[in-house]
Protein backbone atom coordinates (compact mmCIF):
# COMPACT_ATOMS: atom_id res chain seq x y z
CA MET A 1 -12.17 -6.45 -46.90
CA THR A 2 -12.54 -9.05 -49.64
CA ARG A 3 -11.39 -12.49 -48.61
CA THR A 4 -9.59 -14.33 -51.43
CA LEU A 5 -9.06 -18.04 -51.97
CA HIS A 6 -5.61 -18.56 -53.45
CA LEU A 7 -5.09 -21.52 -55.76
CA GLU A 8 -1.75 -23.25 -55.88
CA ARG A 9 -0.53 -24.52 -59.25
CA PRO A 10 -2.38 -27.55 -60.70
CA ALA A 11 -1.14 -30.82 -59.24
CA PHE A 12 -2.15 -34.42 -59.92
CA TRP A 13 -0.33 -37.76 -59.97
CA THR A 14 3.06 -37.41 -61.67
CA GLU A 15 2.81 -40.52 -63.86
CA SER A 16 -0.14 -39.49 -66.00
CA SER A 17 -1.28 -43.06 -66.59
CA ASP A 18 -1.16 -44.05 -62.90
CA PRO A 19 -4.11 -42.47 -61.06
CA GLU A 20 -4.02 -45.38 -58.63
CA SER A 21 -0.93 -43.80 -57.07
CA TRP A 22 -3.36 -41.45 -55.35
CA PHE A 23 -5.21 -44.37 -53.80
CA ARG A 24 -1.92 -45.82 -52.57
CA ALA A 25 -1.07 -42.42 -51.10
CA LEU A 26 -4.45 -42.17 -49.36
CA ASP A 27 -3.95 -45.63 -47.91
CA ALA A 28 -0.53 -44.64 -46.57
CA VAL A 29 -1.81 -41.42 -45.00
CA ALA A 30 -4.71 -43.30 -43.39
CA ALA A 31 -2.22 -45.75 -41.87
CA ALA A 32 -0.05 -42.89 -40.61
CA VAL A 33 -3.04 -41.16 -39.00
CA ASP A 34 -3.88 -44.42 -37.23
CA GLN A 35 -0.42 -44.25 -35.65
CA GLY A 36 -0.81 -40.65 -34.49
CA PRO A 37 -2.01 -37.13 -35.40
CA GLN A 38 -0.51 -35.60 -38.53
CA SER A 39 0.11 -31.86 -38.34
CA GLY A 40 2.12 -29.32 -40.30
CA THR A 41 1.88 -28.05 -43.86
CA PRO A 42 0.62 -30.37 -46.60
CA ARG A 43 4.19 -30.73 -47.81
CA THR A 44 5.57 -31.80 -44.42
CA VAL A 45 2.72 -34.29 -44.01
CA ALA A 46 3.33 -35.74 -47.47
CA GLU A 47 7.08 -35.98 -46.99
CA ARG A 48 6.57 -37.68 -43.64
CA CYS A 49 3.87 -40.15 -44.71
CA LEU A 50 4.56 -40.88 -48.38
CA VAL A 51 8.24 -41.79 -48.53
CA GLY A 52 8.71 -44.35 -51.30
CA ILE A 53 5.11 -43.95 -52.50
CA THR A 54 4.96 -40.62 -54.31
CA ALA A 55 6.86 -37.36 -54.38
CA TRP A 56 5.38 -34.14 -53.02
CA ARG A 57 4.66 -32.94 -56.57
CA GLY A 58 2.38 -35.94 -57.09
CA ALA A 59 0.70 -35.70 -53.69
CA ALA A 60 -0.02 -31.97 -53.45
CA GLY A 61 -3.33 -32.28 -55.27
CA LEU A 62 -4.75 -34.56 -52.58
CA PHE A 63 -4.80 -31.82 -49.94
CA GLY A 64 -7.51 -29.36 -49.04
CA ALA A 65 -7.37 -25.74 -47.94
CA PHE A 66 -5.11 -24.38 -45.22
CA HIS A 67 -3.94 -21.00 -43.93
CA ARG A 68 -0.38 -19.72 -44.09
CA GLY A 69 0.89 -16.19 -43.72
CA GLY A 70 -2.63 -14.80 -43.63
CA VAL A 71 -3.44 -16.40 -46.98
CA VAL A 72 -6.11 -19.05 -47.60
CA ARG A 73 -4.44 -21.58 -49.89
CA LEU A 74 -5.89 -24.49 -51.86
CA PRO A 75 -3.35 -26.99 -53.19
CA GLY A 76 -5.78 -29.68 -54.36
CA VAL A 77 -9.16 -31.38 -54.09
CA GLY A 78 -9.44 -31.89 -50.33
CA LEU A 79 -9.36 -35.67 -50.03
CA ILE A 80 -6.91 -35.06 -47.19
CA SER A 81 -8.34 -32.25 -45.09
CA CYS A 82 -7.29 -30.22 -42.07
CA ASP A 83 -9.51 -29.89 -38.99
CA SER A 84 -9.81 -26.93 -36.62
CA ALA A 85 -6.97 -28.34 -34.50
CA GLY A 86 -4.59 -28.37 -37.46
CA GLN A 87 -4.60 -32.16 -37.87
CA TRP A 88 -4.68 -33.69 -41.36
CA ALA A 89 -6.67 -36.85 -42.18
CA LEU A 90 -8.71 -38.45 -44.94
CA ASN A 91 -12.16 -36.90 -45.21
CA ASP A 92 -15.29 -39.05 -45.39
CA GLU A 93 -15.34 -39.08 -49.18
CA ALA A 94 -11.69 -40.15 -49.37
CA GLN A 95 -12.44 -43.07 -47.06
CA VAL A 96 -15.36 -44.13 -49.27
CA LEU A 97 -13.26 -43.80 -52.43
CA LEU A 98 -10.48 -45.88 -50.91
CA ARG A 99 -12.91 -48.58 -49.79
CA HIS A 100 -14.51 -48.82 -53.24
CA TRP A 101 -11.12 -48.90 -54.96
CA LYS A 102 -9.99 -51.82 -52.81
CA GLU A 103 -13.20 -53.70 -53.59
CA ASP A 104 -13.44 -52.78 -57.29
CA PRO A 105 -10.54 -50.78 -58.79
CA LEU A 106 -12.49 -49.78 -61.91
CA LEU A 107 -15.36 -48.40 -59.84
CA GLY A 108 -12.84 -46.59 -57.64
CA LEU A 109 -11.34 -44.87 -60.68
CA GLU A 110 -14.76 -43.79 -61.95
CA LEU A 111 -15.65 -42.36 -58.55
CA LEU A 112 -12.31 -40.55 -58.43
CA ALA A 113 -13.02 -39.05 -61.86
CA ALA A 114 -16.40 -37.78 -60.64
CA HIS A 115 -14.80 -36.34 -57.51
CA LEU A 116 -12.21 -34.44 -59.55
CA VAL A 117 -14.85 -32.94 -61.83
CA ARG A 118 -16.73 -31.74 -58.74
CA GLU A 119 -13.85 -30.58 -56.58
CA SER A 120 -10.89 -29.50 -58.75
CA PRO A 121 -11.12 -25.84 -59.79
CA TRP A 122 -8.38 -26.50 -62.33
CA LEU A 123 -10.14 -29.42 -64.01
CA ARG A 124 -13.49 -27.61 -63.94
CA LEU A 125 -11.81 -24.61 -65.58
CA LEU A 126 -10.38 -26.77 -68.35
CA LEU A 127 -13.63 -28.65 -69.02
CA LEU A 128 -15.78 -25.50 -69.03
CA ARG A 129 -13.38 -23.71 -71.36
CA LEU A 130 -13.32 -26.71 -73.69
CA GLN A 131 -17.10 -27.03 -73.74
CA SER A 132 -17.57 -23.34 -74.51
CA CYS A 133 -14.88 -23.55 -77.23
CA ASP A 134 -12.83 -20.86 -75.47
CA TRP A 135 -10.03 -23.41 -75.39
CA ALA A 136 -9.43 -26.42 -77.63
CA LEU A 137 -7.49 -29.66 -77.54
CA ALA A 138 -5.27 -30.00 -80.60
CA GLY A 139 -4.05 -33.47 -81.50
CA TRP A 140 -5.24 -35.24 -78.35
CA ALA A 141 -4.58 -38.61 -79.99
CA LYS A 142 -0.90 -37.67 -80.21
CA VAL A 143 -0.78 -36.21 -76.69
CA ARG A 144 -2.21 -39.35 -75.14
CA SER A 145 0.41 -41.55 -76.79
CA HIS A 146 3.42 -39.47 -75.76
CA ARG A 147 4.91 -38.53 -72.40
CA ALA A 148 5.15 -34.81 -73.09
CA GLY A 149 1.56 -34.07 -72.07
CA LEU A 150 -0.52 -30.98 -72.73
CA LYS A 151 1.33 -27.84 -73.68
CA ALA A 152 -0.39 -24.48 -73.81
CA GLY A 153 -0.29 -23.01 -77.31
CA VAL A 154 0.57 -26.36 -78.89
CA SER A 155 -1.79 -29.14 -77.83
CA LEU A 156 -4.02 -26.89 -75.70
CA LEU A 157 -5.07 -23.77 -77.58
CA LEU A 158 -6.04 -20.95 -75.22
CA HIS A 159 -7.15 -18.50 -77.92
CA ALA A 160 -8.02 -15.18 -76.23
CA GLN A 161 -7.09 -16.35 -72.72
CA THR A 162 -3.36 -16.84 -73.09
CA GLU A 163 -2.53 -14.80 -69.97
CA PRO A 164 -3.00 -16.66 -66.64
CA GLU A 165 -4.73 -13.59 -65.21
CA ARG A 166 -7.58 -14.20 -67.68
CA TRP A 167 -8.00 -17.97 -67.32
CA PHE A 168 -10.69 -17.82 -64.63
CA GLU A 169 -12.29 -14.63 -65.95
CA GLY A 170 -16.08 -14.89 -65.69
CA LEU A 171 -15.93 -18.44 -64.30
CA GLU A 172 -14.89 -18.02 -60.66
CA SER A 173 -18.20 -19.10 -59.14
CA ARG A 174 -18.66 -21.99 -61.58
CA VAL A 175 -15.23 -23.49 -61.05
CA ALA A 176 -14.91 -22.95 -57.30
CA ALA A 177 -18.35 -22.26 -55.79
CA ARG A 178 -17.99 -25.05 -53.24
CA TRP A 179 -14.58 -23.95 -52.04
CA LEU A 180 -15.49 -20.26 -51.94
CA ALA A 181 -18.56 -21.06 -49.84
CA ARG A 182 -16.83 -23.50 -47.49
CA LEU A 183 -14.03 -21.06 -46.79
CA GLN A 184 -16.23 -17.95 -46.79
CA CYS A 185 -14.17 -16.33 -49.55
CA GLU A 186 -15.51 -13.88 -52.12
CA SER A 187 -12.88 -14.08 -54.84
CA LEU A 188 -10.40 -16.44 -56.46
CA GLY A 189 -6.72 -15.82 -57.11
CA TYR A 190 -3.33 -17.50 -57.30
CA THR A 191 -0.97 -18.00 -54.39
CA PRO A 192 1.57 -15.15 -54.38
CA GLU A 193 4.50 -17.20 -55.64
CA VAL A 194 2.68 -18.88 -58.54
CA LEU A 195 3.04 -15.96 -60.96
CA LEU A 196 6.71 -15.42 -60.13
CA SER A 197 8.45 -16.79 -63.21
CA LYS A 198 11.84 -18.42 -63.05
CA LYS A 199 14.10 -18.36 -66.06
CA GLY A 200 13.48 -21.35 -68.29
CA LYS A 201 10.61 -22.63 -66.14
CA ASP A 202 6.86 -22.47 -66.71
CA ASP A 203 5.68 -22.04 -63.13
CA LEU A 204 1.99 -22.11 -64.03
CA SER A 205 2.08 -24.96 -66.52
CA LEU A 206 -1.23 -26.60 -67.45
CA THR A 207 0.60 -29.83 -68.33
CA PRO A 208 -0.46 -31.58 -65.06
CA LEU A 209 -4.05 -31.53 -66.39
CA THR A 210 -2.98 -34.29 -68.78
CA ALA A 211 -3.38 -36.75 -65.90
CA PRO A 212 -7.08 -36.17 -65.13
CA LEU A 213 -7.89 -36.04 -68.85
CA LEU A 214 -6.34 -39.48 -69.28
CA LEU A 215 -8.40 -40.66 -66.31
CA LEU A 216 -11.57 -39.32 -67.95
CA GLU A 217 -10.64 -41.21 -71.11
CA SER A 218 -10.01 -44.43 -69.19
CA VAL A 219 -13.53 -44.36 -67.71
CA GLY A 220 -15.14 -43.50 -71.06
CA TRP A 221 -15.82 -39.80 -70.46
CA LEU A 222 -13.37 -38.53 -73.09
CA THR A 223 -12.96 -40.01 -76.56
CA ARG A 224 -9.60 -40.87 -78.09
CA THR A 225 -10.01 -37.83 -80.31
CA GLY A 226 -10.57 -35.49 -77.37
CA GLU A 227 -14.37 -35.11 -77.28
CA LEU A 228 -16.03 -34.97 -73.86
CA ARG A 229 -18.77 -37.50 -73.05
CA LEU A 230 -19.56 -36.78 -69.40
CA PRO A 231 -22.41 -38.68 -67.66
CA SER A 232 -25.54 -36.54 -67.36
CA GLU A 233 -25.29 -35.85 -63.61
CA VAL A 234 -21.56 -35.10 -63.80
CA GLN A 235 -22.28 -32.72 -66.67
CA ALA A 236 -25.14 -31.13 -64.70
CA ASP A 237 -22.81 -30.49 -61.77
CA LEU A 238 -20.22 -28.92 -64.06
CA THR A 239 -22.73 -26.61 -65.75
CA GLY A 240 -24.66 -25.70 -62.61
CA THR A 241 -27.91 -27.44 -63.56
CA LEU A 242 -27.80 -30.12 -60.86
CA THR A 243 -30.93 -30.13 -58.70
CA PRO A 244 -30.73 -30.13 -54.88
CA ALA A 245 -32.24 -33.64 -54.87
CA GLN A 246 -29.57 -34.91 -57.27
CA ALA A 247 -26.85 -33.14 -55.31
CA LEU A 248 -27.91 -34.59 -51.95
CA THR A 249 -28.17 -38.06 -53.47
CA GLN A 250 -24.63 -37.75 -54.85
CA LEU A 251 -23.24 -36.39 -51.59
CA SER A 252 -24.92 -39.10 -49.53
CA SER A 253 -23.64 -41.85 -51.81
CA GLY A 254 -20.13 -40.40 -51.80
CA ARG A 255 -19.93 -40.07 -48.01
CA ALA A 256 -21.90 -43.06 -46.75
CA ASP A 257 -20.08 -45.59 -44.60
CA VAL A 258 -20.20 -49.30 -45.35
CA ARG A 259 -23.65 -49.49 -43.70
CA GLY A 260 -25.05 -46.59 -45.70
CA PHE A 261 -25.02 -43.97 -42.91
CA VAL A 262 -24.01 -40.33 -43.47
CA ALA A 263 -23.39 -37.51 -40.99
CA VAL A 264 -26.33 -35.11 -41.30
CA GLU A 265 -24.72 -31.73 -40.62
CA PRO A 266 -21.58 -32.14 -42.76
CA VAL A 267 -23.52 -33.45 -45.74
CA LEU A 268 -26.08 -30.63 -45.54
CA ARG A 269 -23.35 -28.02 -45.21
CA ASP A 270 -21.74 -29.41 -48.34
CA LEU A 271 -25.12 -29.38 -50.05
CA LEU A 272 -25.20 -25.63 -49.48
CA ALA A 273 -21.64 -25.29 -50.75
CA THR A 274 -22.62 -27.12 -53.95
CA PHE A 275 -24.82 -24.14 -54.76
CA GLY A 276 -22.30 -21.56 -53.59
CA ALA A 277 -24.29 -20.74 -50.45
CA ASN A 278 -22.95 -20.66 -46.90
CA PRO A 279 -25.35 -19.19 -44.31
CA ARG A 280 -23.83 -17.79 -41.14
CA ASP A 281 -23.43 -20.33 -38.36
CA VAL A 282 -26.27 -18.66 -36.49
CA ASP A 283 -28.59 -19.32 -39.45
CA PHE A 284 -27.56 -22.87 -40.24
CA PRO A 285 -29.41 -24.75 -37.44
CA ARG A 286 -32.63 -22.90 -38.25
CA TRP A 287 -32.26 -23.63 -41.97
CA MET A 288 -31.39 -27.27 -41.28
CA ASP A 289 -34.46 -27.80 -39.08
CA THR A 290 -36.73 -26.06 -41.57
CA LEU A 291 -35.34 -28.13 -44.44
CA ILE A 292 -35.77 -31.44 -42.60
CA ASP A 293 -39.31 -30.48 -41.55
CA GLN A 294 -40.29 -29.49 -45.09
CA ALA A 295 -38.70 -32.57 -46.65
CA MET A 296 -40.16 -35.10 -44.22
CA GLN A 297 -43.64 -33.55 -44.17
CA HIS A 298 -43.86 -33.85 -47.95
CA GLY A 299 -42.27 -37.29 -48.22
CA ALA A 300 -39.23 -35.86 -49.99
CA LEU A 301 -36.81 -37.41 -47.50
CA GLU A 302 -37.26 -40.84 -45.92
CA VAL A 303 -35.15 -41.43 -42.83
CA LEU A 304 -34.73 -45.20 -42.61
CA ALA A 305 -32.49 -45.26 -39.54
CA ALA A 306 -30.58 -42.90 -37.26
CA GLU A 307 -27.96 -43.27 -34.56
CA PRO A 308 -25.48 -41.23 -32.46
CA GLY A 309 -22.17 -40.11 -33.88
CA GLN A 310 -19.02 -38.32 -32.75
CA ALA A 311 -18.42 -34.66 -31.92
CA ARG A 312 -16.95 -34.11 -35.39
CA HIS A 313 -20.28 -35.12 -36.92
CA GLY A 314 -21.86 -31.94 -35.59
CA ARG A 315 -25.56 -31.50 -35.10
CA GLY A 316 -28.12 -34.29 -35.36
CA LEU A 317 -31.65 -34.19 -36.75
CA HIS A 318 -33.49 -31.45 -34.82
CA ALA A 319 -30.43 -31.13 -32.54
CA ASP A 320 -30.91 -34.70 -31.28
CA PRO A 321 -27.44 -36.09 -30.42
CA THR A 322 -28.78 -39.63 -30.87
CA ARG A 323 -29.55 -38.88 -34.54
CA LYS A 324 -26.30 -37.50 -35.95
CA LEU A 325 -25.86 -40.34 -38.45
CA VAL A 326 -28.70 -41.26 -40.79
CA ARG A 327 -29.56 -43.63 -43.57
CA TRP A 328 -32.08 -41.98 -45.87
CA ILE A 329 -33.68 -41.99 -49.30
CA VAL A 330 -33.85 -38.71 -51.22
CA HIS A 331 -36.82 -38.19 -53.56
CA PRO A 332 -37.07 -35.63 -56.41
CA GLU A 333 -39.47 -33.52 -54.33
CA PHE A 334 -36.54 -32.67 -52.07
CA SER A 335 -35.62 -29.86 -54.48
CA ASP A 336 -38.88 -28.06 -53.63
CA ALA A 337 -38.24 -28.53 -49.91
CA PHE A 338 -34.76 -27.07 -50.34
CA GLN A 339 -36.12 -23.87 -51.85
CA LYS A 340 -38.97 -23.60 -49.34
CA ALA A 341 -36.46 -23.81 -46.50
CA TRP A 342 -34.73 -20.75 -47.92
CA ASP A 343 -38.01 -18.94 -48.42
CA ALA A 344 -38.91 -19.61 -44.78
CA LEU A 345 -35.72 -17.86 -43.71
CA GLU A 346 -36.42 -14.97 -46.09
CA THR A 347 -33.04 -15.69 -47.64
CA THR A 348 -32.39 -15.68 -51.35
CA PRO A 349 -29.30 -17.78 -52.09
CA GLU A 350 -27.40 -17.29 -55.28
CA LEU A 351 -27.64 -20.76 -56.77
CA THR A 352 -24.71 -20.96 -59.17
């Protein structure tokens, strides 16, 4: 039976020009988690933790995948994620983003923009459609100066893909490879209620995508006339041309604590997800050991320091519990080691 990942409607901060409301929300959730475990649906967590900070509509996009009624649902970009015990908390990348934003708000916004391009299926869909000229921005200069935002058929021309059922056609793996791999899903769809139209209401409006586009403009990645100018590595991630070495460097930077340490197993699992690959749990330790051996033998990965971590950090280098957290340098040759590790397992991943 095919396992489907169901997207909820696009959701970002409600005031399009205030992306920092997400940082304030993350800070509030972190404080709430410090006071005690946060369980329930994303909506109940948001309504409990974010009173006076942002409404549910503006917070939904912060949350990662969860299960309800036998359906795997994805409301947002996973900065707030749910563990196996059903407890919600900031993930490692959210903690790093929040720290950088407090130290340097402009840097925090740029890192948030990069995270959204990597993790939001909705934003990736929009950017890929724009770059392939399947869709087009019409009068972006006017949109950005008014509160109305994007409107399909007016300021966002969908051409041949006017029906929501066709929006992701041919792009599923490119827009959601990470999420499909992490959740072991084979296909992408909408949550059951999304396509149920209510009279006078556009339930699947693309207007919320105005917010991340304005963020891209504020960090210099979108011109005032609506032309994309993504940094090379962000563009490479979007188009699927990012190398394993570049991907691991990005992941390590995005997840490193204040001392520069990252948790080995989680970052390597997400490295696989970047390329749409998710080996069975029984294969992962063998692949991980082979990869580390190949990379270190050829000088592709320099481990500068290692230390113990917590149970949630998973497996350490070569299953050593005293080496769960590492500080390392990734060299370009790591890409070769990545492929050789797959070859050693006689596995051919589909690198998207």
